[in-house]
N, C-alpha and C. Protein backbone atom coordinates (compact mmCIF):
# COMPACT_ATOMS: atom_id res chain seq x y z
N MET A 1 -7.96 -16.16 -7.27
CA MET A 1 -6.98 -15.09 -7.32
C MET A 1 -7.65 -13.78 -7.73
N ARG A 2 -8.82 -13.87 -8.43
CA ARG A 2 -9.47 -12.63 -8.88
C ARG A 2 -9.87 -11.77 -7.75
N GLU A 3 -10.27 -12.38 -6.59
CA GLU A 3 -10.72 -11.56 -5.45
C GLU A 3 -9.53 -10.78 -4.88
N ALA A 4 -8.34 -11.09 -5.22
CA ALA A 4 -7.18 -10.42 -4.70
C ALA A 4 -6.62 -9.35 -5.68
N ILE A 5 -7.41 -8.95 -6.62
CA ILE A 5 -6.99 -7.95 -7.61
C ILE A 5 -7.62 -6.59 -7.34
N LEU A 6 -6.83 -5.59 -7.19
CA LEU A 6 -7.32 -4.25 -7.05
C LEU A 6 -7.55 -3.70 -8.48
N ILE A 7 -8.76 -3.42 -8.82
CA ILE A 7 -9.06 -2.88 -10.18
C ILE A 7 -9.07 -1.39 -10.10
N VAL A 8 -8.22 -0.80 -10.83
CA VAL A 8 -8.09 0.65 -10.81
C VAL A 8 -8.66 1.20 -12.10
N THR A 9 -9.76 1.96 -11.95
CA THR A 9 -10.39 2.48 -13.15
C THR A 9 -10.63 3.99 -12.99
N PHE A 10 -10.14 4.74 -13.86
CA PHE A 10 -10.45 6.17 -13.91
C PHE A 10 -10.23 6.61 -15.38
N TRP A 11 -11.08 7.53 -15.82
CA TRP A 11 -11.11 7.95 -17.17
C TRP A 11 -10.97 6.78 -18.11
N PHE A 12 -9.98 6.70 -18.92
CA PHE A 12 -9.83 5.59 -19.86
C PHE A 12 -8.65 4.67 -19.52
N VAL A 13 -8.14 4.79 -18.28
CA VAL A 13 -7.05 3.95 -17.86
C VAL A 13 -7.48 3.02 -16.79
N SER A 14 -7.06 1.80 -16.88
CA SER A 14 -7.36 0.88 -15.74
C SER A 14 -6.08 0.12 -15.39
N GLY A 15 -6.02 -0.26 -14.13
CA GLY A 15 -4.88 -0.98 -13.67
C GLY A 15 -5.32 -1.79 -12.45
N TYR A 16 -4.44 -2.61 -11.92
CA TYR A 16 -4.77 -3.37 -10.75
C TYR A 16 -3.54 -3.73 -10.00
N ALA A 17 -3.76 -4.21 -8.78
CA ALA A 17 -2.60 -4.63 -7.96
C ALA A 17 -2.78 -6.05 -7.57
N LEU A 18 -1.71 -6.77 -7.43
CA LEU A 18 -1.76 -8.19 -7.10
C LEU A 18 -1.03 -8.43 -5.81
N PRO A 19 -1.53 -9.43 -5.04
CA PRO A 19 -0.77 -9.79 -3.84
C PRO A 19 0.51 -10.50 -4.27
N ILE A 20 1.57 -10.40 -3.50
CA ILE A 20 2.75 -11.15 -3.82
C ILE A 20 2.96 -12.27 -2.80
N ASP A 21 1.98 -12.47 -1.98
CA ASP A 21 2.01 -13.59 -1.02
C ASP A 21 0.87 -14.51 -1.34
N LYS A 22 1.17 -15.58 -2.04
CA LYS A 22 0.09 -16.51 -2.54
C LYS A 22 -0.68 -17.13 -1.41
N ASP A 23 -0.09 -17.42 -0.24
CA ASP A 23 -0.80 -18.06 0.86
C ASP A 23 -1.92 -17.21 1.36
N TYR A 24 -1.75 -15.90 1.38
CA TYR A 24 -2.81 -14.99 1.83
C TYR A 24 -4.03 -15.09 0.94
N ALA A 25 -3.82 -15.15 -0.38
CA ALA A 25 -4.89 -15.21 -1.33
C ALA A 25 -5.76 -16.46 -1.11
N TYR A 26 -5.18 -17.48 -0.55
CA TYR A 26 -5.87 -18.75 -0.36
C TYR A 26 -6.31 -18.92 1.10
N GLY A 27 -6.40 -17.83 1.82
CA GLY A 27 -6.98 -17.87 3.16
C GLY A 27 -6.06 -18.24 4.35
N LYS A 28 -4.79 -18.39 4.12
CA LYS A 28 -3.89 -18.69 5.23
C LYS A 28 -3.43 -17.37 5.86
N LEU A 29 -4.32 -16.68 6.46
CA LEU A 29 -4.07 -15.33 7.03
C LEU A 29 -3.15 -15.42 8.24
N GLN A 30 -2.17 -14.60 8.28
CA GLN A 30 -1.32 -14.40 9.45
C GLN A 30 -1.48 -12.97 9.93
N LYS A 31 -1.14 -12.76 11.20
CA LYS A 31 -1.31 -11.38 11.78
C LYS A 31 0.07 -10.93 12.31
N TRP A 32 0.23 -9.63 12.32
CA TRP A 32 1.37 -9.04 12.98
C TRP A 32 1.23 -9.30 14.50
N THR A 33 2.34 -9.39 15.18
CA THR A 33 2.32 -9.50 16.64
C THR A 33 2.85 -8.24 17.27
N LYS A 34 2.89 -7.18 16.57
CA LYS A 34 3.39 -5.90 17.06
C LYS A 34 2.42 -4.79 16.75
N CYS A 35 2.62 -3.64 17.35
CA CYS A 35 1.76 -2.46 17.14
C CYS A 35 2.49 -1.31 16.54
N SER A 36 3.80 -1.37 16.53
CA SER A 36 4.63 -0.30 16.00
C SER A 36 5.50 -0.83 14.87
N PHE A 37 5.51 -0.08 13.76
CA PHE A 37 6.17 -0.60 12.56
C PHE A 37 7.20 0.40 11.98
N SER A 38 8.37 -0.14 11.69
CA SER A 38 9.37 0.67 10.97
C SER A 38 9.12 0.59 9.50
N TYR A 39 9.47 1.66 8.83
CA TYR A 39 9.33 1.64 7.36
C TYR A 39 10.50 2.38 6.71
N ARG A 40 10.69 2.09 5.44
CA ARG A 40 11.69 2.81 4.63
C ARG A 40 11.10 2.99 3.25
N ILE A 41 11.13 4.25 2.78
CA ILE A 41 10.71 4.56 1.43
C ILE A 41 11.98 4.96 0.69
N TYR A 42 12.30 4.24 -0.38
CA TYR A 42 13.51 4.58 -1.09
C TYR A 42 13.42 4.23 -2.57
N ASP A 43 14.33 4.84 -3.31
CA ASP A 43 14.42 4.66 -4.76
C ASP A 43 15.45 3.56 -5.07
N LYS A 44 15.13 2.37 -4.70
CA LYS A 44 16.06 1.23 -4.75
C LYS A 44 16.69 1.07 -6.18
N TYR A 45 15.93 1.33 -7.19
CA TYR A 45 16.37 1.10 -8.56
C TYR A 45 16.75 2.36 -9.28
N TYR A 46 16.84 3.49 -8.53
CA TYR A 46 17.23 4.77 -9.10
C TYR A 46 16.38 5.15 -10.33
N LEU A 47 15.06 5.12 -10.09
CA LEU A 47 14.11 5.37 -11.20
C LEU A 47 13.58 6.77 -11.31
N PHE A 48 13.78 7.57 -10.23
CA PHE A 48 13.27 8.97 -10.28
C PHE A 48 14.23 9.87 -11.05
N ARG A 49 13.67 10.74 -11.81
CA ARG A 49 14.44 11.66 -12.66
C ARG A 49 15.21 12.69 -11.78
N ASN A 50 14.56 13.04 -10.68
CA ASN A 50 15.20 14.08 -9.81
C ASN A 50 14.73 13.89 -8.34
N GLU A 51 15.39 14.59 -7.49
CA GLU A 51 15.09 14.46 -6.01
C GLU A 51 13.68 15.01 -5.72
N LYS A 52 13.24 16.06 -6.39
CA LYS A 52 11.92 16.62 -6.09
C LYS A 52 10.83 15.60 -6.36
N ASP A 53 10.87 14.87 -7.51
CA ASP A 53 9.84 13.84 -7.78
C ASP A 53 9.86 12.79 -6.73
N PHE A 54 11.03 12.36 -6.28
CA PHE A 54 11.09 11.35 -5.24
C PHE A 54 10.48 11.85 -3.94
N LEU A 55 10.86 13.09 -3.55
CA LEU A 55 10.36 13.65 -2.32
C LEU A 55 8.83 13.89 -2.33
N ASP A 56 8.30 14.29 -3.46
CA ASP A 56 6.84 14.42 -3.62
C ASP A 56 6.13 13.07 -3.48
N SER A 57 6.71 12.02 -4.05
CA SER A 57 6.14 10.69 -3.95
C SER A 57 6.25 10.21 -2.50
N ARG A 58 7.34 10.44 -1.90
CA ARG A 58 7.58 10.06 -0.53
C ARG A 58 6.56 10.74 0.40
N ARG A 59 6.27 12.03 0.19
CA ARG A 59 5.27 12.73 1.01
C ARG A 59 3.89 12.15 0.79
N ALA A 60 3.57 11.71 -0.40
CA ALA A 60 2.24 11.11 -0.65
C ALA A 60 2.08 9.80 0.10
N ILE A 61 3.15 9.03 0.14
CA ILE A 61 3.15 7.72 0.87
C ILE A 61 3.09 7.94 2.38
N ILE A 62 3.84 8.90 2.85
CA ILE A 62 3.82 9.23 4.31
C ILE A 62 2.43 9.72 4.73
N LYS A 63 1.80 10.45 3.80
CA LYS A 63 0.42 10.87 4.11
C LYS A 63 -0.50 9.63 4.35
N ALA A 64 -0.35 8.58 3.57
CA ALA A 64 -1.10 7.35 3.80
C ALA A 64 -0.75 6.69 5.06
N LEU A 65 0.54 6.60 5.40
CA LEU A 65 0.98 6.03 6.68
C LEU A 65 0.38 6.81 7.87
N ASN A 66 0.46 8.14 7.77
CA ASN A 66 -0.10 8.95 8.85
C ASN A 66 -1.60 8.81 9.03
N LEU A 67 -2.29 8.62 7.91
CA LEU A 67 -3.76 8.45 7.99
C LEU A 67 -4.10 7.14 8.70
N TRP A 68 -3.49 6.06 8.34
CA TRP A 68 -3.74 4.79 9.03
C TRP A 68 -3.45 4.91 10.52
N GLU A 69 -2.33 5.58 10.83
CA GLU A 69 -1.96 5.73 12.27
C GLU A 69 -2.96 6.63 13.01
N SER A 70 -3.28 7.78 12.48
CA SER A 70 -4.13 8.74 13.21
C SER A 70 -5.56 8.27 13.26
N GLU A 71 -6.09 7.63 12.26
CA GLU A 71 -7.49 7.15 12.25
C GLU A 71 -7.68 5.91 13.11
N SER A 72 -6.78 4.98 13.01
CA SER A 72 -6.92 3.71 13.78
C SER A 72 -6.67 3.89 15.24
N LYS A 73 -5.69 4.72 15.59
CA LYS A 73 -5.28 5.00 16.94
C LYS A 73 -4.78 3.72 17.65
N VAL A 74 -4.39 2.71 16.91
CA VAL A 74 -3.82 1.51 17.56
C VAL A 74 -2.47 1.09 17.04
N ILE A 75 -2.07 1.70 15.90
CA ILE A 75 -0.74 1.35 15.39
C ILE A 75 0.12 2.62 15.26
N LYS A 76 1.41 2.43 15.12
CA LYS A 76 2.33 3.55 14.95
C LYS A 76 3.34 3.16 13.87
N PHE A 77 3.78 4.14 13.15
CA PHE A 77 4.84 3.97 12.14
C PHE A 77 5.98 4.92 12.44
N TYR A 78 7.19 4.42 12.23
CA TYR A 78 8.37 5.25 12.38
C TYR A 78 9.35 4.97 11.27
N GLU A 79 10.01 5.96 10.77
CA GLU A 79 10.96 5.79 9.71
C GLU A 79 12.25 5.24 10.18
N LEU A 80 12.74 4.25 9.49
CA LEU A 80 14.01 3.62 9.82
C LEU A 80 15.09 4.30 9.03
N SER A 81 16.03 4.96 9.73
CA SER A 81 17.04 5.66 9.00
C SER A 81 18.33 4.91 8.78
N ASP A 82 18.57 3.88 9.64
CA ASP A 82 19.74 3.06 9.49
C ASP A 82 19.62 2.16 8.27
N GLN A 83 20.38 2.36 7.25
CA GLN A 83 20.30 1.60 5.96
C GLN A 83 20.70 0.14 6.14
N GLN A 84 21.34 -0.17 7.27
CA GLN A 84 21.79 -1.57 7.44
C GLN A 84 20.69 -2.41 8.08
N LEU A 85 19.67 -1.83 8.62
CA LEU A 85 18.60 -2.59 9.28
C LEU A 85 17.46 -2.83 8.27
N GLN A 86 16.75 -3.97 8.45
CA GLN A 86 15.60 -4.29 7.61
C GLN A 86 14.35 -3.71 8.25
N PRO A 87 13.60 -2.87 7.51
CA PRO A 87 12.36 -2.34 8.08
C PRO A 87 11.26 -3.34 8.07
N ASP A 88 10.22 -3.10 8.89
CA ASP A 88 9.02 -3.97 8.86
C ASP A 88 8.29 -3.78 7.54
N ILE A 89 8.30 -2.55 7.03
CA ILE A 89 7.58 -2.27 5.76
C ILE A 89 8.59 -1.57 4.84
N ASP A 90 8.87 -2.28 3.73
CA ASP A 90 9.84 -1.85 2.73
C ASP A 90 9.06 -1.32 1.54
N ILE A 91 9.19 -0.04 1.21
CA ILE A 91 8.40 0.61 0.18
C ILE A 91 9.31 1.17 -0.90
N THR A 92 9.05 0.75 -2.13
CA THR A 92 9.90 1.25 -3.24
C THR A 92 9.14 1.27 -4.56
N PHE A 93 9.71 1.92 -5.53
CA PHE A 93 9.17 1.91 -6.89
C PHE A 93 10.05 0.98 -7.72
N ALA A 94 9.44 0.28 -8.66
CA ALA A 94 10.11 -0.69 -9.50
C ALA A 94 9.53 -0.74 -10.87
N MET A 95 10.19 -1.43 -11.78
CA MET A 95 9.66 -1.64 -13.14
C MET A 95 9.89 -3.08 -13.54
N LYS A 96 8.94 -3.56 -14.39
CA LYS A 96 9.05 -4.87 -15.00
C LYS A 96 9.48 -5.97 -14.00
N GLU A 97 10.49 -6.76 -14.37
CA GLU A 97 11.09 -7.74 -13.44
C GLU A 97 11.94 -6.99 -12.48
N HIS A 98 11.75 -7.23 -11.18
CA HIS A 98 12.51 -6.46 -10.18
C HIS A 98 12.80 -7.25 -8.92
N ASN A 99 13.31 -8.49 -9.13
CA ASN A 99 13.69 -9.33 -8.03
C ASN A 99 12.56 -9.52 -7.05
N CYS A 100 11.39 -9.86 -7.59
CA CYS A 100 10.19 -10.09 -6.84
C CYS A 100 9.44 -11.23 -7.49
N THR A 101 8.47 -11.80 -6.79
CA THR A 101 7.71 -12.93 -7.40
C THR A 101 6.74 -12.44 -8.48
N GLU A 102 6.39 -11.16 -8.46
CA GLU A 102 5.46 -10.60 -9.50
C GLU A 102 6.16 -9.45 -10.24
N ALA A 103 6.02 -9.49 -11.53
CA ALA A 103 6.63 -8.43 -12.38
C ALA A 103 5.56 -7.39 -12.70
N PHE A 104 5.99 -6.20 -12.96
CA PHE A 104 5.07 -5.15 -13.43
C PHE A 104 5.00 -5.22 -14.97
N ASP A 105 3.89 -4.67 -15.51
CA ASP A 105 3.60 -4.84 -16.93
C ASP A 105 3.58 -3.53 -17.71
N GLY A 106 4.13 -2.46 -17.08
CA GLY A 106 4.10 -1.18 -17.76
C GLY A 106 2.87 -0.32 -17.41
N ALA A 107 2.77 0.87 -17.95
CA ALA A 107 1.75 1.80 -17.63
C ALA A 107 0.34 1.24 -17.92
N GLY A 108 -0.62 1.50 -17.01
CA GLY A 108 -2.00 1.10 -17.28
C GLY A 108 -2.34 -0.33 -16.87
N GLY A 109 -1.43 -1.07 -16.36
CA GLY A 109 -1.74 -2.46 -15.97
C GLY A 109 -1.69 -2.54 -14.44
N ILE A 110 -0.81 -3.43 -13.96
CA ILE A 110 -0.66 -3.58 -12.56
C ILE A 110 0.01 -2.37 -11.99
N VAL A 111 -0.61 -1.68 -11.07
CA VAL A 111 -0.02 -0.40 -10.59
C VAL A 111 0.78 -0.57 -9.29
N ALA A 112 0.52 -1.60 -8.52
CA ALA A 112 1.23 -1.82 -7.30
C ALA A 112 0.99 -3.26 -6.83
N HIS A 113 1.85 -3.73 -5.99
CA HIS A 113 1.58 -4.99 -5.29
C HIS A 113 2.25 -4.93 -3.88
N SER A 114 1.72 -5.75 -3.02
CA SER A 114 2.16 -5.73 -1.67
C SER A 114 2.12 -7.15 -1.10
N SER A 115 2.82 -7.36 0.03
CA SER A 115 2.80 -8.63 0.72
C SER A 115 1.96 -8.51 1.95
N TYR A 116 1.70 -9.58 2.61
CA TYR A 116 0.89 -9.65 3.78
C TYR A 116 1.64 -10.09 4.98
N PRO A 117 1.12 -9.85 6.18
CA PRO A 117 1.85 -10.25 7.39
C PRO A 117 2.35 -11.67 7.28
N PRO A 118 3.58 -11.88 7.75
CA PRO A 118 4.46 -10.99 8.50
C PRO A 118 5.48 -10.29 7.63
N HIS A 119 5.26 -10.24 6.32
CA HIS A 119 6.17 -9.56 5.42
C HIS A 119 5.58 -8.19 5.03
N GLY A 120 6.37 -7.18 5.00
CA GLY A 120 5.83 -5.85 4.72
C GLY A 120 6.55 -5.27 3.49
N LEU A 121 6.08 -5.64 2.29
CA LEU A 121 6.63 -5.07 1.07
C LEU A 121 5.53 -4.39 0.26
N ILE A 122 5.86 -3.17 -0.22
CA ILE A 122 4.96 -2.51 -1.12
C ILE A 122 5.86 -2.04 -2.29
N HIS A 123 5.45 -2.40 -3.51
CA HIS A 123 6.13 -1.94 -4.72
C HIS A 123 5.10 -1.20 -5.55
N PHE A 124 5.51 -0.04 -6.01
CA PHE A 124 4.66 0.77 -6.95
C PHE A 124 5.35 0.70 -8.32
N ASP A 125 4.51 0.59 -9.35
CA ASP A 125 5.06 0.53 -10.74
C ASP A 125 5.54 1.94 -11.13
N ALA A 126 6.85 2.08 -11.34
CA ALA A 126 7.40 3.40 -11.72
C ALA A 126 6.98 3.86 -13.13
N GLU A 127 6.43 2.93 -13.91
CA GLU A 127 6.02 3.34 -15.26
C GLU A 127 4.66 3.94 -15.32
N GLU A 128 3.92 3.91 -14.15
CA GLU A 128 2.62 4.57 -14.11
C GLU A 128 2.82 6.10 -14.04
N VAL A 129 1.80 6.80 -14.46
CA VAL A 129 1.77 8.29 -14.34
C VAL A 129 1.05 8.54 -13.01
N TRP A 130 1.81 8.68 -11.95
CA TRP A 130 1.26 8.92 -10.62
C TRP A 130 0.87 10.36 -10.42
N ALA A 131 -0.20 10.59 -9.70
CA ALA A 131 -0.66 11.93 -9.35
C ALA A 131 -0.60 12.11 -7.85
N LEU A 132 -0.47 13.35 -7.41
CA LEU A 132 -0.43 13.62 -5.99
C LEU A 132 -1.80 14.18 -5.55
N ASP A 133 -2.76 14.10 -6.42
CA ASP A 133 -4.14 14.56 -6.09
C ASP A 133 -5.12 13.62 -6.81
N ASP A 134 -6.37 14.02 -6.87
CA ASP A 134 -7.39 13.14 -7.50
C ASP A 134 -7.54 13.45 -8.99
N LYS A 135 -6.54 14.03 -9.61
CA LYS A 135 -6.63 14.35 -11.04
C LYS A 135 -5.88 13.29 -11.89
N GLY A 136 -5.69 12.16 -11.28
CA GLY A 136 -4.96 11.09 -11.98
C GLY A 136 -4.88 9.88 -11.09
N LEU A 137 -3.93 9.03 -11.30
CA LEU A 137 -3.78 7.86 -10.44
C LEU A 137 -3.11 8.30 -9.15
N ASN A 138 -3.97 8.48 -8.15
CA ASN A 138 -3.60 9.10 -6.83
C ASN A 138 -2.69 8.13 -6.04
N LEU A 139 -1.42 8.53 -5.88
CA LEU A 139 -0.48 7.70 -5.19
C LEU A 139 -0.86 7.47 -3.73
N SER A 140 -1.36 8.50 -3.04
CA SER A 140 -1.75 8.31 -1.63
C SER A 140 -2.92 7.32 -1.54
N TYR A 141 -3.85 7.35 -2.45
CA TYR A 141 -4.99 6.46 -2.39
C TYR A 141 -4.49 4.99 -2.57
N VAL A 142 -3.67 4.73 -3.58
CA VAL A 142 -3.17 3.39 -3.83
C VAL A 142 -2.31 2.95 -2.62
N ALA A 143 -1.49 3.91 -2.08
CA ALA A 143 -0.70 3.55 -0.90
C ALA A 143 -1.55 3.19 0.30
N LEU A 144 -2.66 3.90 0.54
CA LEU A 144 -3.58 3.55 1.59
C LEU A 144 -4.10 2.13 1.42
N HIS A 145 -4.49 1.77 0.23
CA HIS A 145 -4.98 0.42 -0.08
C HIS A 145 -3.90 -0.60 0.19
N GLU A 146 -2.72 -0.42 -0.34
CA GLU A 146 -1.66 -1.40 -0.24
C GLU A 146 -1.22 -1.52 1.21
N LEU A 147 -1.18 -0.42 2.00
CA LEU A 147 -0.85 -0.51 3.38
C LEU A 147 -1.87 -1.31 4.15
N GLY A 148 -3.12 -1.18 3.74
CA GLY A 148 -4.18 -2.03 4.37
C GLY A 148 -3.81 -3.52 4.22
N HIS A 149 -3.40 -3.93 3.03
CA HIS A 149 -2.96 -5.32 2.83
C HIS A 149 -1.78 -5.64 3.73
N VAL A 150 -0.79 -4.80 3.72
CA VAL A 150 0.42 -5.06 4.51
C VAL A 150 0.09 -5.23 6.00
N LEU A 151 -0.94 -4.47 6.44
CA LEU A 151 -1.37 -4.58 7.86
C LEU A 151 -2.26 -5.78 8.09
N GLY A 152 -2.74 -6.43 7.03
CA GLY A 152 -3.51 -7.66 7.16
C GLY A 152 -4.91 -7.63 6.71
N LEU A 153 -5.34 -6.58 6.05
CA LEU A 153 -6.74 -6.45 5.62
C LEU A 153 -6.91 -7.04 4.22
N LYS A 154 -7.99 -7.78 4.07
CA LYS A 154 -8.40 -8.28 2.73
C LYS A 154 -9.30 -7.23 2.11
N HIS A 155 -9.76 -7.54 0.90
CA HIS A 155 -10.69 -6.60 0.21
C HIS A 155 -12.02 -6.57 0.92
N SER A 156 -12.72 -5.48 0.69
CA SER A 156 -14.08 -5.28 1.28
C SER A 156 -15.06 -5.02 0.20
N ASP A 157 -16.31 -5.43 0.41
CA ASP A 157 -17.38 -5.12 -0.52
C ASP A 157 -18.00 -3.78 -0.35
N GLU A 158 -17.68 -3.11 0.82
CA GLU A 158 -18.24 -1.81 1.12
C GLU A 158 -17.72 -0.80 0.07
N SER A 159 -18.61 -0.06 -0.56
CA SER A 159 -18.18 0.87 -1.61
C SER A 159 -17.31 1.98 -1.10
N LYS A 160 -17.46 2.40 0.19
CA LYS A 160 -16.64 3.55 0.67
C LYS A 160 -15.33 3.09 1.27
N SER A 161 -15.10 1.80 1.35
CA SER A 161 -13.86 1.28 1.97
C SER A 161 -12.68 1.50 1.08
N ILE A 162 -11.56 1.91 1.66
CA ILE A 162 -10.29 2.03 0.96
C ILE A 162 -9.86 0.61 0.48
N MET A 163 -10.38 -0.41 1.12
CA MET A 163 -10.03 -1.81 0.79
C MET A 163 -11.02 -2.39 -0.23
N ASN A 164 -11.89 -1.58 -0.81
CA ASN A 164 -12.75 -2.06 -1.89
C ASN A 164 -11.83 -2.24 -3.11
N PRO A 165 -12.00 -3.34 -3.87
CA PRO A 165 -11.11 -3.59 -4.96
C PRO A 165 -11.25 -2.66 -6.16
N VAL A 166 -12.31 -1.85 -6.13
CA VAL A 166 -12.53 -0.90 -7.28
C VAL A 166 -12.00 0.48 -6.88
N TYR A 167 -11.10 0.99 -7.66
CA TYR A 167 -10.51 2.28 -7.40
C TYR A 167 -11.48 3.39 -7.78
N LYS A 168 -11.75 4.29 -6.81
CA LYS A 168 -12.60 5.45 -7.06
C LYS A 168 -11.72 6.67 -6.96
N ASN A 169 -11.47 7.31 -8.08
CA ASN A 169 -10.61 8.44 -8.11
C ASN A 169 -11.25 9.57 -7.27
N GLY A 170 -10.67 9.84 -6.14
CA GLY A 170 -11.22 10.87 -5.28
C GLY A 170 -10.45 10.94 -3.97
N ALA A 171 -11.14 11.29 -2.92
CA ALA A 171 -10.54 11.47 -1.63
C ALA A 171 -9.89 10.23 -1.10
N ASP A 172 -8.68 10.39 -0.60
CA ASP A 172 -8.00 9.23 0.04
C ASP A 172 -8.28 9.31 1.50
N LYS A 173 -9.28 8.52 1.93
CA LYS A 173 -9.67 8.47 3.32
C LYS A 173 -10.16 7.07 3.67
N LEU A 174 -10.19 6.81 4.97
CA LEU A 174 -10.60 5.51 5.47
C LEU A 174 -12.08 5.53 5.86
N SER A 175 -12.78 4.45 5.63
CA SER A 175 -14.17 4.36 6.05
C SER A 175 -14.21 3.85 7.52
N GLY A 176 -15.40 3.96 8.10
CA GLY A 176 -15.59 3.42 9.45
C GLY A 176 -15.27 1.92 9.47
N GLN A 177 -15.67 1.21 8.42
CA GLN A 177 -15.42 -0.22 8.35
C GLN A 177 -13.88 -0.49 8.31
N ASP A 178 -13.15 0.27 7.55
CA ASP A 178 -11.67 0.09 7.49
C ASP A 178 -11.08 0.20 8.89
N ILE A 179 -11.49 1.23 9.63
CA ILE A 179 -10.95 1.46 10.97
C ILE A 179 -11.33 0.30 11.89
N ARG A 180 -12.59 -0.09 11.86
CA ARG A 180 -13.10 -1.21 12.71
C ARG A 180 -12.35 -2.51 12.45
N ARG A 181 -12.17 -2.81 11.16
CA ARG A 181 -11.50 -4.04 10.81
C ARG A 181 -10.04 -4.02 11.26
N LEU A 182 -9.38 -2.87 11.09
CA LEU A 182 -8.01 -2.80 11.52
C LEU A 182 -7.89 -2.93 13.06
N ARG A 183 -8.82 -2.24 13.76
CA ARG A 183 -8.81 -2.36 15.26
C ARG A 183 -9.01 -3.80 15.71
N ARG A 184 -9.86 -4.53 14.99
CA ARG A 184 -10.03 -5.96 15.34
C ARG A 184 -8.74 -6.74 15.13
N LEU A 185 -8.08 -6.49 14.05
CA LEU A 185 -6.80 -7.18 13.78
C LEU A 185 -5.76 -6.88 14.86
N PHE A 186 -5.77 -5.64 15.36
CA PHE A 186 -4.78 -5.18 16.33
C PHE A 186 -5.42 -5.00 17.70
N SER A 187 -6.38 -5.90 18.06
CA SER A 187 -7.05 -5.79 19.34
C SER A 187 -6.12 -5.90 20.53
N ASN A 188 -4.95 -6.47 20.34
CA ASN A 188 -3.97 -6.56 21.41
C ASN A 188 -3.22 -5.28 21.66
N CYS A 189 -3.41 -4.30 20.75
CA CYS A 189 -2.71 -3.00 20.87
C CYS A 189 -3.63 -2.03 21.58
N HIS A 190 -3.01 -1.26 22.47
CA HIS A 190 -3.78 -0.25 23.22
C HIS A 190 -3.98 1.00 22.41
N ARG A 191 -5.11 1.61 22.49
CA ARG A 191 -5.35 2.84 21.74
C ARG A 191 -4.41 3.96 22.19
N VAL A 192 -3.92 4.70 21.21
CA VAL A 192 -2.99 5.78 21.56
C VAL A 192 -3.66 7.14 21.35
């Protein structure tokens, strides 16, 4: 299970993310059979103090979605507006026990968790102090990493990879290895 932990270290704060799909951690990898994914970002538990904070967080997550799409050139994301439909990727903020197999532990611990194909769940710990830049716990950076898992990528030993389990507070970008690995997973998808 240790290889499935994202260790987040910056300044004096550390945290990590856990997979919520136990089969994936033990090597039973499944793949998506599609190239285009619907998503929904919402405040399911009404945890944001105001609309501006939610919209800022939403923009940071959309930045990560757009980066995977534009860099890989093999997948597409589209926002699902119909609240009655289930998105492929369900993204929300939560605290402590939240109707999920893994609970959050408060600020400085587990910062996010995600599921693996064919389930697309990403939960961010609402008790963390999230930043929209590299001056704190960068929400776009963590979203990029968690989206990698949702798309089917495991951790990487490459230091520049967004899928490296060690958080490096800095630019949220994909490495050449990240892009190649994703293209291999989605080799049935035509480049766009």
